PDB file of N, CA and C in Angstrom:
ATOM      1  N   MET A   1       9.195   4.764   6.372  1.00  0.00           N
ATOM      2  CA  MET A   1       8.515   3.748   5.221  1.00  0.00           C
ATOM      3  C   MET A   1       6.805   3.760   5.050  1.00  0.00           C
ATOM      4  N   TYR A   2       7.174   3.253   6.338  1.00  0.00           N
ATOM      5  CA  TYR A   2       5.738   3.159   6.233  1.00  0.00           C
ATOM      6  C   TYR A   2       5.025   4.509   5.702  1.00  0.00           C
ATOM      7  N   MET A   3       5.322   5.927   6.423  1.00  0.00           N
ATOM      8  CA  MET A   3       4.223   6.914   6.408  1.00  0.00           C
ATOM      9  C   MET A   3       4.408   7.282   5.142  1.00  0.00           C
ATOM     10  N   LEU A   4       5.693   7.068   4.652  1.00  0.00           N
ATOM     11  CA  LEU A   4       5.737   7.080   2.746  1.00  0.00           C
ATOM     12  C   LEU A   4       4.749   6.313   2.495  1.00  0.00           C
ATOM     13  N   ILE A   5       4.138   5.057   2.248  1.00  0.00           N
ATOM     14  CA  ILE A   5       3.612   3.956   1.831  1.00  0.00           C
ATOM     15  C   ILE A   5       1.700   5.011   1.606  1.00  0.00           C
ATOM     16  N   ASP A   6       1.811   5.532   3.271  1.00  0.00           N
ATOM     17  CA  ASP A   6       0.071   6.410   3.589  1.00  0.00           C
ATOM     18  C   ASP A   6       0.376   7.356   2.739  1.00  0.00           C
ATOM     19  N   ILE A   7       1.063   7.444   2.263  1.00  0.00           N
ATOM     20  CA  ILE A   7       0.597   9.711   1.726  1.00  0.00           C
ATOM     21  C   ILE A   7       0.263   8.863   0.124  1.00  0.00           C
ATOM     22  N   GLU A   8       1.288   7.834  -0.800  1.00  0.00           N
ATOM     23  CA  GLU A   8       1.364   7.435  -1.871  1.00  0.00           C
ATOM     24  C   GLU A   8      -0.122   6.734  -1.864  1.00  0.00           C
ATOM     25  N   LEU A   9      -0.821   5.659  -0.833  1.00  0.00           N
ATOM     26  CA  LEU A   9      -2.426   5.240  -1.283  1.00  0.00           C
ATOM     27  C   LEU A   9      -2.949   6.343  -1.002  1.00  0.00           C
ATOM     28  N   LYS A  10      -2.725   7.356  -0.024  1.00  0.00           N
ATOM     29  CA  LYS A  10      -3.654   8.962  -0.319  1.00  0.00           C
ATOM     30  C   LYS A  10      -3.863   9.955  -1.869  1.00  0.00           C
ATOM     31  N   LYS A  11      -2.544   9.615  -2.289  1.00  0.00           N
ATOM     32  CA  LYS A  11      -2.546  10.347  -3.738  1.00  0.00           C
ATOM     33  C   LYS A  11      -2.804   9.669  -4.570  1.00  0.00           C
ATOM     34  N   SER A  12      -3.063   8.502  -4.725  1.00  0.00           N
ATOM     35  CA  SER A  12      -3.909   7.234  -5.414  1.00  0.00           C
ATOM     36  C   SER A  12      -2.760   6.619  -5.780  1.00  0.00           C
ATOM     37  N   ASN A  13      -1.164   6.788  -6.222  1.00  0.00           N
ATOM     38  CA  ASN A  13      -0.233   6.263  -7.028  1.00  0.00           C
ATOM     39  C   ASN A  13      -0.369   4.645  -6.117  1.00  0.00           C
ATOM     40  N   PHE A  14      -0.992   3.753  -6.854  1.00  0.00           N
ATOM     41  CA  PHE A  14      -0.756   2.221  -5.616  1.00  0.00           C
ATOM     42  C   PHE A  14       0.524   2.048  -7.038  1.00  0.00           C
ATOM     43  N   SER A  15       1.198   2.200  -8.049  1.00  0.00           N
ATOM     44  CA  SER A  15       1.572   2.103  -9.108  1.00  0.00           C
ATOM     45  C   SER A  15       3.513   1.850  -7.074  1.00  0.00           C
ATOM     46  N   GLU A  16       3.396   3.153  -7.022  1.00  0.00           N
ATOM     47  CA  GLU A  16       4.287   3.965  -6.315  1.00  0.00           C
ATOM     48  C   GLU A  16       4.518   2.672  -4.875  1.00  0.00           C
ATOM     49  N   VAL A  17       2.965   2.439  -4.817  1.00  0.00           N
ATOM     50  CA  VAL A  17       2.553   2.495  -3.124  1.00  0.00           C
ATOM     51  C   VAL A  17       3.294   0.531  -3.293  1.00  0.00           C
ATOM     52  N   LYS A  18       2.627  -0.293  -4.659  1.00  0.00           N
ATOM     53  CA  LYS A  18       2.985  -1.682  -4.591  1.00  0.00           C
ATOM     54  C   LYS A  18       4.609  -1.957  -4.241  1.00  0.00           C
ATOM     55  N   LYS A  19       5.295  -1.412  -5.286  1.00  0.00           N
ATOM     56  CA  LYS A  19       6.983  -0.871  -4.942  1.00  0.00           C
ATOM     57  C   LYS A  19       7.489  -0.697  -3.114  1.00  0.00           C
ATOM     58  N   LEU A  20       6.118   1.004  -3.824  1.00  0.00           N
ATOM     59  CA  LEU A  20       7.243   0.852  -1.849  1.00  0.00           C
ATOM     60  C   LEU A  20       6.253  -0.655  -0.820  1.00  0.00           C
ATOM     61  N   THR A  21       5.903  -1.493  -1.219  1.00  0.00           N
ATOM     62  CA  THR A  21       5.888  -2.457   0.263  1.00  0.00           C
ATOM     63  C   THR A  21       6.504  -3.297  -0.567  1.00  0.00           C
ATOM     64  N   LYS A  22       6.607  -4.064  -1.215  1.00  0.00           N
ATOM     65  CA  LYS A  22       8.011  -4.855  -2.033  1.00  0.00           C
ATOM     66  C   LYS A  22       9.187  -4.790  -1.017  1.00  0.00           C
ATOM     67  N   ASN A  23       9.734  -3.498  -0.889  1.00  0.00           N
ATOM     68  CA  ASN A  23      10.369  -1.931  -0.256  1.00  0.00           C
ATOM     69  C   ASN A  23      11.149  -2.762   1.470  1.00  0.00           C
ATOM     70  N   PHE A  24       9.451  -2.966   1.996  1.00  0.00           N
ATOM     71  CA  PHE A  24       9.430  -2.813   3.404  1.00  0.00           C
ATOM     72  C   PHE A  24       9.156  -3.559   3.763  1.00  0.00           C
ATOM     73  N   THR A  25       8.588  -4.509   2.779  1.00  0.00           N
ATOM     74  CA  THR A  25       8.742  -6.284   3.462  1.00  0.00           C
ATOM     75  C   THR A  25      10.056  -6.536   3.095  1.00  0.00           C
ATOM     76  N   ILE A  26      11.418  -6.589   2.350  1.00  0.00           N
ATOM     77  CA  ILE A  26      11.915  -6.597   2.472  1.00  0.00           C
ATOM     78  C   ILE A  26      13.146  -6.068   3.547  1.00  0.00           C
ATOM     79  N   ILE A  27      13.085  -5.317   3.550  1.00  0.00           N
ATOM     80  CA  ILE A  27      13.264  -4.413   4.804  1.00  0.00           C
ATOM     81  C   ILE A  27      12.847  -4.208   6.217  1.00  0.00           C
ATOM     82  N   CYS A  28      12.296  -4.488   6.652  1.00  0.00           N
ATOM     83  CA  CYS A  28      11.445  -4.869   7.485  1.00  0.00           C
ATOM     84  C   CYS A  28      10.703  -6.479   7.796  1.00  0.00           C
ATOM     85  N   SER A  29      10.861  -6.995   9.085  1.00  0.00           N
ATOM     86  CA  SER A  29      10.193  -8.339   9.480  1.00  0.00           C
ATOM     87  C   SER A  29       9.591  -8.308  10.083  1.00  0.00           C
ATOM     88  N   THR A  30       9.601  -7.425  11.175  1.00  0.00           N
ATOM     89  CA  THR A  30       8.723  -7.077  12.479  1.00  0.00           C
ATOM     90  C   THR A  30       7.954  -6.516  12.553  1.00  0.00           C
ATOM     91  N   PHE A  31       7.922  -5.278  11.205  1.00  0.00           N
ATOM     92  CA  PHE A  31       6.650  -4.497  10.923  1.00  0.00           C
ATOM     93  C   PHE A  31       5.663  -5.684   9.983  1.00  0.00           C
ATOM     94  N   CYS A  32       4.770  -6.513   9.763  1.00  0.00           N
ATOM     95  CA  CYS A  32       4.376  -7.356   9.087  1.00  0.00           C
ATOM     96  C   CYS A  32       2.664  -7.117   9.069  1.00  0.00           C
ATOM     97  N   ASP A  33       2.848  -6.625  10.162  1.00  0.00           N
ATOM     98  CA  ASP A  33       1.600  -6.890  10.431  1.00  0.00           C
ATOM     99  C   ASP A  33       1.104  -5.032   9.016  1.00  0.00           C
ATOM    100  N   LYS A  34       2.561  -4.397   9.787  1.00  0.00           N
ATOM    101  CA  LYS A  34       2.101  -3.382   8.323  1.00  0.00           C
ATOM    102  C   LYS A  34       1.500  -3.421   7.582  1.00  0.00           C
ATOM    103  N   THR A  35       2.146  -4.414   6.373  1.00  0.00           N
ATOM    104  CA  THR A  35       1.648  -4.919   4.973  1.00  0.00           C
ATOM    105  C   THR A  35       0.746  -5.927   4.860  1.00  0.00           C
ATOM    106  N   LYS A  36       0.544  -6.712   5.704  1.00  0.00           N
ATOM    107  CA  LYS A  36      -1.176  -6.817   5.723  1.00  0.00           C
ATOM    108  C   LYS A  36      -1.954  -5.622   5.889  1.00  0.00           C
ATOM    109  N   SER A  37      -1.843  -4.661   6.067  1.00  0.00           N
ATOM    110  CA  SER A  37      -2.585  -3.726   6.376  1.00  0.00           C
ATOM    111  C   SER A  37      -2.934  -3.165   5.409  1.00  0.00           C
ATOM    112  N   ILE A  38      -1.977  -2.599   4.175  1.00  0.00           N
ATOM    113  CA  ILE A  38      -1.134  -1.759   2.868  1.00  0.00           C
ATOM    114  C   ILE A  38      -1.582  -1.787   2.150  1.00  0.00           C
ATOM    115  N   ASN A  39      -1.710  -3.465   2.465  1.00  0.00           N
ATOM    116  CA  ASN A  39      -2.331  -4.847   1.138  1.00  0.00           C
ATOM    117  C   ASN A  39      -3.082  -4.542   0.885  1.00  0.00           C
ATOM    118  N   GLU A  40      -4.212  -5.259   2.690  1.00  0.00           N
ATOM    119  CA  GLU A  40      -6.045  -4.826   2.281  1.00  0.00           C
ATOM    120  C   GLU A  40      -6.574  -3.095   1.800  1.00  0.00           C
ATOM    121  N   ARG A  41      -5.726  -2.534   2.241  1.00  0.00           N
ATOM    122  CA  ARG A  41      -6.625  -1.445   1.456  1.00  0.00           C
ATOM    123  C   ARG A  41      -6.404  -0.423   0.298  1.00  0.00           C
ATOM    124  N   LEU A  42      -5.034  -0.983   0.185  1.00  0.00           N
ATOM    125  CA  LEU A  42      -5.088  -1.102  -1.720  1.00  0.00           C
ATOM    126  C   LEU A  42      -5.320  -1.631  -2.046  1.00  0.00           C
ATOM    127  N   LYS A  43      -6.095  -3.181  -2.006  1.00  0.00           N
ATOM    128  CA  LYS A  43      -7.207  -3.743  -2.621  1.00  0.00           C
ATOM    129  C   LYS A  43      -8.348  -3.507  -2.932  1.00  0.00           C
ATOM    130  N   ASN A  44      -9.241  -2.450  -1.434  1.00  0.00           N
ATOM    131  CA  ASN A  44      -9.120  -1.565  -0.513  1.00  0.00           C
ATOM    132  C   ASN A  44      -9.984  -0.688  -1.994  1.00  0.00           C
ATOM    133  N   ILE A  45      -9.029   0.387  -1.584  1.00  0.00           N
ATOM    134  CA  ILE A  45      -9.141   1.512  -2.814  1.00  0.00           C
ATOM    135  C   ILE A  45      -8.766   1.040  -5.017  1.00  0.00           C
ATOM    136  N   GLU A  46      -8.357  -0.496  -5.025  1.00  0.00           N
ATOM    137  CA  GLU A  46      -8.337  -0.443  -6.354  1.00  0.00           C
ATOM    138  C   GLU A  46     -10.173  -1.056  -6.653  1.00  0.00           C
ATOM    139  N   ALA A  47     -10.424  -1.091  -6.011  1.00  0.00           N
ATOM    140  CA  ALA A  47     -11.618  -1.935  -5.975  1.00  0.00           C
ATOM    141  C   ALA A  47     -13.071  -0.625  -5.763  1.00  0.00           C
ATOM    142  N   LYS A  48     -13.231   0.281  -5.315  1.00  0.00           N
ATOM    143  CA  LYS A  48     -13.639   1.819  -5.590  1.00  0.00           C
ATOM    144  C   LYS A  48     -12.725   1.495  -6.724  1.00  0.00           C
ATOM    145  N   ASP A  49     -12.387   2.117  -6.973  1.00  0.00           N
ATOM    146  CA  ASP A  49     -11.601   3.366  -7.735  1.00  0.00           C
ATOM    147  C   ASP A  49     -12.671   2.014  -9.809  1.00  0.00           C
ATOM    148  N   GLU A  50     -12.436   0.595  -9.050  1.00  0.00           N
ATOM    149  CA  GLU A  50     -12.791   0.191 -10.262  1.00  0.00           C
ATOM    150  C   GLU A  50     -14.034  -0.108 -10.075  1.00  0.00           C
ATOM    151  N   SER A  51     -14.637   0.090  -9.573  1.00  0.00           N
ATOM    152  CA  SER A  51     -16.266   0.216  -9.548  1.00  0.00           C
ATOM    153  C   SER A  51     -17.001   2.363  -9.956  1.00  0.00           C
ATOM    154  N   LYS A  52     -15.935   2.520  -9.614  1.00  0.00           N
ATOM    155  CA  LYS A  52     -16.120   3.686 -11.019  1.00  0.00           C
ATOM    156  C   LYS A  52     -16.537   4.000 -12.557  1.00  0.00           C
ATOM    157  N   GLN A  53     -14.916   3.409 -12.925  1.00  0.00           N
ATOM    158  CA  GLN A  53     -15.488   2.555 -13.544  1.00  0.00           C
ATOM    159  C   GLN A  53     -15.971   2.318 -14.821  1.00  0.00           C
TER     160      GLN A  53
END
């Protein structure tokens, strides 16, 4: 699941990343650090994307 989220981040498919992250959080309670990492990367990418517009 984490790798799928990573792939979608690389594709800039932010809506899918948000959906998968929500599911990932529900599925896995021992991988909380990965969820934080994903959210930080998503924020950084969205900020870069907004600054280009």
